[in-house]
């Protein structure tokens, strides 16, 4: 399986993870097989069933620097999501307390702090609406397990194809894609920003007019 490579130098590689590939084991193996790199170190994660833009460090010094920036909230991450229904507001910030049940591999919105509960914050913006579905641009401010999926589902807007969180659709993969990633180069400090359109096919094809020639999604409208 060839993976799209958006950027590569001696310190890092930016590529597009296909849905169905594990971020921590499968992707590093693919990167090393495709590029001949000796190491491909995971510094952030996407759910196995979610695809999108990721960065991998090619040496331990770069991995440490990228991990520090990630922990400090320095990564810019924007996702595209297709949800059931019409959002109550065209844009909003969602703030919840989440508990992740490791045994069930599922997160839940809870009402008060306790052991294992973490705050989750995201901003969303409605880009298009069609056929009782909405295309959202989602910006993460925290990185919790299944965060986008559970925060939207808790408001009765599950992602299409996400049976775990209440979608009745079984004819598509989870409609979530990490389309934009920004960070600073671990060696030079240069600000880097990369984007990729989501895969072809349903449900993204309902909103194909938002792309032109495979270029970055226009999230300004």
Protein backbone atom coordinates (compact mmCIF):
# COMPACT_ATOMS: atom_id res chain seq x y z
CA UNK A 1 0.00 0.00 0.00
CA UNK A 2 1.47 3.34 -1.08
CA UNK A 3 0.66 6.28 1.18
CA UNK A 4 0.55 9.87 -0.12
CA UNK A 5 3.60 11.83 1.08
CA UNK A 6 3.10 15.60 1.42
CA UNK A 7 6.59 16.47 2.72
CA UNK A 8 9.79 14.72 3.76
CA UNK A 9 13.24 15.75 4.95
CA UNK A 10 15.88 14.23 7.22
CA UNK A 11 13.86 14.98 10.37
CA UNK A 12 10.25 14.19 9.55
CA UNK A 13 7.69 12.99 7.06
CA UNK A 14 4.15 14.29 6.57
CA UNK A 15 1.78 11.80 4.98
CA UNK A 16 -1.89 10.87 4.67
CA UNK A 17 -2.95 7.92 6.82
CA UNK A 18 -5.59 5.71 5.20
CA UNK A 19 -8.59 4.74 7.33
CA UNK A 20 -8.17 1.26 8.75
CA UNK A 21 -4.43 1.55 9.45
CA UNK A 22 -3.18 1.81 13.02
CA UNK A 23 -1.30 5.06 13.80
CA UNK A 24 1.28 3.52 16.14
CA UNK A 25 2.25 0.30 14.39
CA UNK A 26 0.77 0.04 10.90
CA UNK A 27 1.70 3.53 9.71
CA UNK A 28 5.35 3.44 10.88
CA UNK A 29 5.74 0.09 9.11
CA UNK A 30 4.28 1.54 5.90
CA UNK A 31 6.47 4.65 6.12
CA UNK A 32 9.64 2.61 6.60
CA UNK A 33 8.77 0.18 3.82
CA UNK A 34 7.93 2.95 1.37
CA UNK A 35 10.77 5.37 2.12
CA UNK A 36 13.54 3.20 3.51
CA UNK A 37 13.64 5.25 6.72
CA UNK A 38 15.27 3.49 9.69
CA UNK A 39 12.73 4.93 12.14
CA UNK A 40 9.25 6.43 11.90
CA UNK A 41 8.26 7.62 15.35
CA UNK A 42 4.62 8.36 16.22
CA UNK A 43 4.08 11.68 18.02
CA UNK A 44 0.28 12.02 17.64
CA UNK A 45 -2.55 9.65 16.82
CA UNK A 46 -5.70 9.16 14.80
CA UNK A 47 -8.29 6.48 15.47
CA UNK A 48 -7.71 3.39 13.36
CA UNK A 49 -10.93 4.02 11.39
CA UNK A 50 -10.09 7.69 10.73
CA UNK A 51 -7.75 8.88 7.98
CA UNK A 52 -5.90 12.11 7.40
CA UNK A 53 -2.72 14.13 7.59
CA UNK A 54 -0.11 12.99 10.11
CA UNK A 55 3.52 13.79 10.87
CA UNK A 56 6.10 11.16 11.87
CA UNK A 57 9.55 11.93 13.24
CA UNK A 58 12.47 10.22 11.56
CA UNK A 59 14.82 10.50 14.54
CA UNK A 60 14.45 10.67 18.30
CA UNK A 61 15.49 14.30 18.63
CA UNK A 62 12.77 15.39 16.21
CA UNK A 63 10.26 13.16 18.01
CA UNK A 64 11.06 14.80 21.35
CA UNK A 65 10.69 18.32 19.93
CA UNK A 66 7.40 17.54 18.18
CA UNK A 67 6.05 15.82 21.30
CA UNK A 68 6.87 18.89 23.40
CA UNK A 69 5.06 21.17 20.95
CA UNK A 70 2.06 18.86 20.89
CA UNK A 71 1.90 18.72 24.70
CA UNK A 72 2.05 22.53 24.85
CA UNK A 73 -0.91 22.83 22.47
CA UNK A 74 1.20 24.11 19.59
CA UNK A 75 -0.17 21.80 16.89
CA UNK A 76 -2.89 23.20 14.61
CA UNK A 77 -5.41 20.48 13.80
CA UNK A 78 -8.53 20.80 11.70
CA UNK A 79 -10.87 17.98 10.77
CA UNK A 80 -13.72 17.60 8.33
CA UNK A 81 -16.78 15.77 9.65
CA UNK A 82 -20.15 14.87 8.17
CA UNK A 83 -22.84 14.59 10.83
CA UNK A 84 -26.51 13.71 10.90
CA UNK A 85 -28.91 16.63 11.10
CA UNK A 86 -28.67 20.41 11.15
CA UNK A 87 -26.54 22.06 13.80
CA UNK A 88 -28.24 24.42 16.23
CA UNK A 89 -25.66 27.15 15.50
CA UNK A 90 -23.51 27.84 12.45
CA UNK A 91 -20.45 27.87 14.69
CA UNK A 92 -19.83 27.20 18.36
CA UNK A 93 -17.37 26.01 20.97
CA UNK A 94 -18.20 22.70 22.62
CA UNK A 95 -16.83 22.05 26.09
CA UNK A 96 -17.44 18.77 27.93
CA UNK A 97 -16.06 16.44 30.54
CA UNK A 98 -15.16 13.08 29.03
CA UNK A 99 -14.48 9.70 30.54
CA UNK A 100 -12.86 7.02 28.37
CA UNK A 101 -13.79 3.44 29.25
CA UNK A 102 -10.76 1.43 28.13
CA UNK A 103 -12.56 -1.91 28.46
CA UNK A 104 -15.27 -0.78 26.04
CA UNK A 105 -12.96 1.52 24.06
CA UNK A 106 -15.66 4.16 24.22
CA UNK A 107 -15.85 7.69 25.63
CA UNK A 108 -18.75 9.22 27.52
CA UNK A 109 -19.79 12.78 28.40
CA UNK A 110 -20.13 13.02 32.18
CA UNK A 111 -21.52 15.73 34.43
CA UNK A 112 -18.80 16.15 37.05
CA UNK A 113 -15.05 15.62 37.58
CA UNK A 114 -13.76 12.33 38.97
CA UNK A 115 -10.82 10.03 38.42
CA UNK A 116 -10.12 9.56 34.72
CA UNK A 117 -12.33 12.45 33.60
CA UNK A 118 -10.74 15.08 31.35
CA UNK A 119 -11.99 18.32 29.83
CA UNK A 120 -12.55 18.31 26.07
CA UNK A 121 -12.83 21.48 23.98
CA UNK A 122 -13.43 21.95 20.26
CA UNK A 123 -14.74 24.58 17.87
CA UNK A 124 -16.88 23.71 14.89
CA UNK A 125 -18.09 25.64 11.88
CA UNK A 126 -20.80 24.56 9.43
CA UNK A 127 -19.49 24.56 5.86
CA UNK A 128 -22.44 23.05 3.97
CA UNK A 129 -25.77 21.34 4.59
CA UNK A 130 -27.30 18.74 2.31
CA UNK A 131 -29.73 15.82 2.52
CA UNK A 132 -30.27 16.24 6.28
CA UNK A 133 -26.51 16.14 6.86
CA UNK A 134 -23.97 18.84 7.71
CA UNK A 135 -20.33 19.18 6.72
CA UNK A 136 -18.32 20.69 9.57
CA UNK A 137 -14.81 22.05 9.99
CA UNK A 138 -13.69 21.09 13.49
CA UNK A 139 -10.74 22.59 15.37
CA UNK A 140 -9.45 20.64 18.36
CA UNK A 141 -8.13 22.40 21.45
CA UNK A 142 -7.65 19.16 23.38
CA UNK A 143 -6.86 15.65 22.16
CA UNK A 144 -9.12 13.19 23.96
CA UNK A 145 -10.00 9.68 22.84
CA UNK A 146 -12.85 9.78 20.30
CA UNK A 147 -13.34 13.44 21.23
CA UNK A 148 -15.02 14.74 18.07
CA UNK A 149 -17.14 11.63 17.74
CA UNK A 150 -18.54 11.67 21.27
CA UNK A 151 -18.95 15.45 21.66
CA UNK A 152 -21.04 15.69 18.49
CA UNK A 153 -22.95 12.47 19.16
CA UNK A 154 -23.86 13.68 22.66
CA UNK A 155 -25.74 16.54 20.95
CA UNK A 156 -27.63 14.12 18.68
CA UNK A 157 -25.34 14.72 15.72
CA UNK A 158 -23.35 11.48 15.34
CA UNK A 159 -20.92 11.19 12.47
CA UNK A 160 -22.20 9.24 9.49
CA UNK A 161 -20.99 5.67 9.64
CA UNK A 162 -20.06 5.84 13.34
CA UNK A 163 -22.17 2.99 14.73
CA UNK A 164 -20.32 3.07 18.05
CA UNK A 165 -21.75 6.53 18.75
CA UNK A 166 -25.23 6.14 17.33
CA UNK A 167 -25.17 6.56 13.55
CA UNK A 168 -27.84 4.49 11.81
CA UNK A 169 -25.78 4.44 8.60
CA UNK A 170 -23.85 1.26 7.86
CA UNK A 171 -22.98 2.01 4.24
CA UNK A 172 -19.89 4.18 4.77
CA UNK A 173 -16.80 4.53 6.91
CA UNK A 174 -16.74 7.00 9.80
CA UNK A 175 -17.11 10.43 8.19
CA UNK A 176 -14.15 12.09 9.87
CA UNK A 177 -10.92 13.17 8.19
CA UNK A 178 -7.92 15.08 9.53
CA UNK A 179 -7.51 17.46 6.61
CA UNK A 180 -5.15 20.11 8.03
CA UNK A 181 -2.09 19.92 10.28
CA UNK A 182 0.25 22.70 11.34
CA UNK A 183 3.35 22.66 13.55
CA UNK A 184 6.90 24.04 13.75
CA UNK A 185 9.82 22.22 12.22
CA UNK A 186 11.69 20.53 15.09
CA UNK A 187 15.10 21.59 13.76
CA UNK A 188 14.61 24.95 12.00
CA UNK A 189 11.57 26.29 13.86
CA UNK A 190 9.87 27.09 10.56
CA UNK A 191 6.05 27.13 10.70
CA UNK A 192 4.73 24.31 8.51
CA UNK A 193 1.15 23.70 7.41
CA UNK A 194 -0.20 20.85 5.31
CA UNK A 195 -3.61 19.86 4.03
CA UNK A 196 -5.30 17.13 2.03
CA UNK A 197 -8.85 16.62 0.73
CA UNK A 198 -10.84 13.69 2.12
CA UNK A 199 -11.20 10.42 0.21
CA UNK A 200 -13.46 10.15 -2.80
CA UNK A 201 -16.87 8.58 -2.45
CA UNK A 202 -19.81 8.85 -0.07
CA UNK A 203 -20.40 10.84 2.10
CA UNK A 204 -17.71 13.30 0.99
CA UNK A 205 -19.06 13.26 -2.55
CA UNK A 206 -22.19 15.07 -1.32
CA UNK A 207 -20.00 18.11 -0.75
CA UNK A 208 -17.52 17.77 -3.60
CA UNK A 209 -18.14 21.35 -4.78
CA UNK A 210 -16.22 22.57 -1.75
CA UNK A 211 -13.04 21.34 -3.42
CA UNK A 212 -11.46 22.51 -6.62
CA UNK A 213 -8.78 20.50 -8.34
CA UNK A 214 -7.94 18.57 -5.17
CA UNK A 215 -6.76 21.71 -3.42
CA UNK A 216 -7.26 22.60 0.23
CA UNK A 217 -10.82 22.75 1.49
CA UNK A 218 -12.16 26.31 1.56
CA UNK A 219 -13.25 26.68 5.18
CA UNK A 220 -13.71 30.45 4.98
CA UNK A 221 -17.39 30.25 3.98
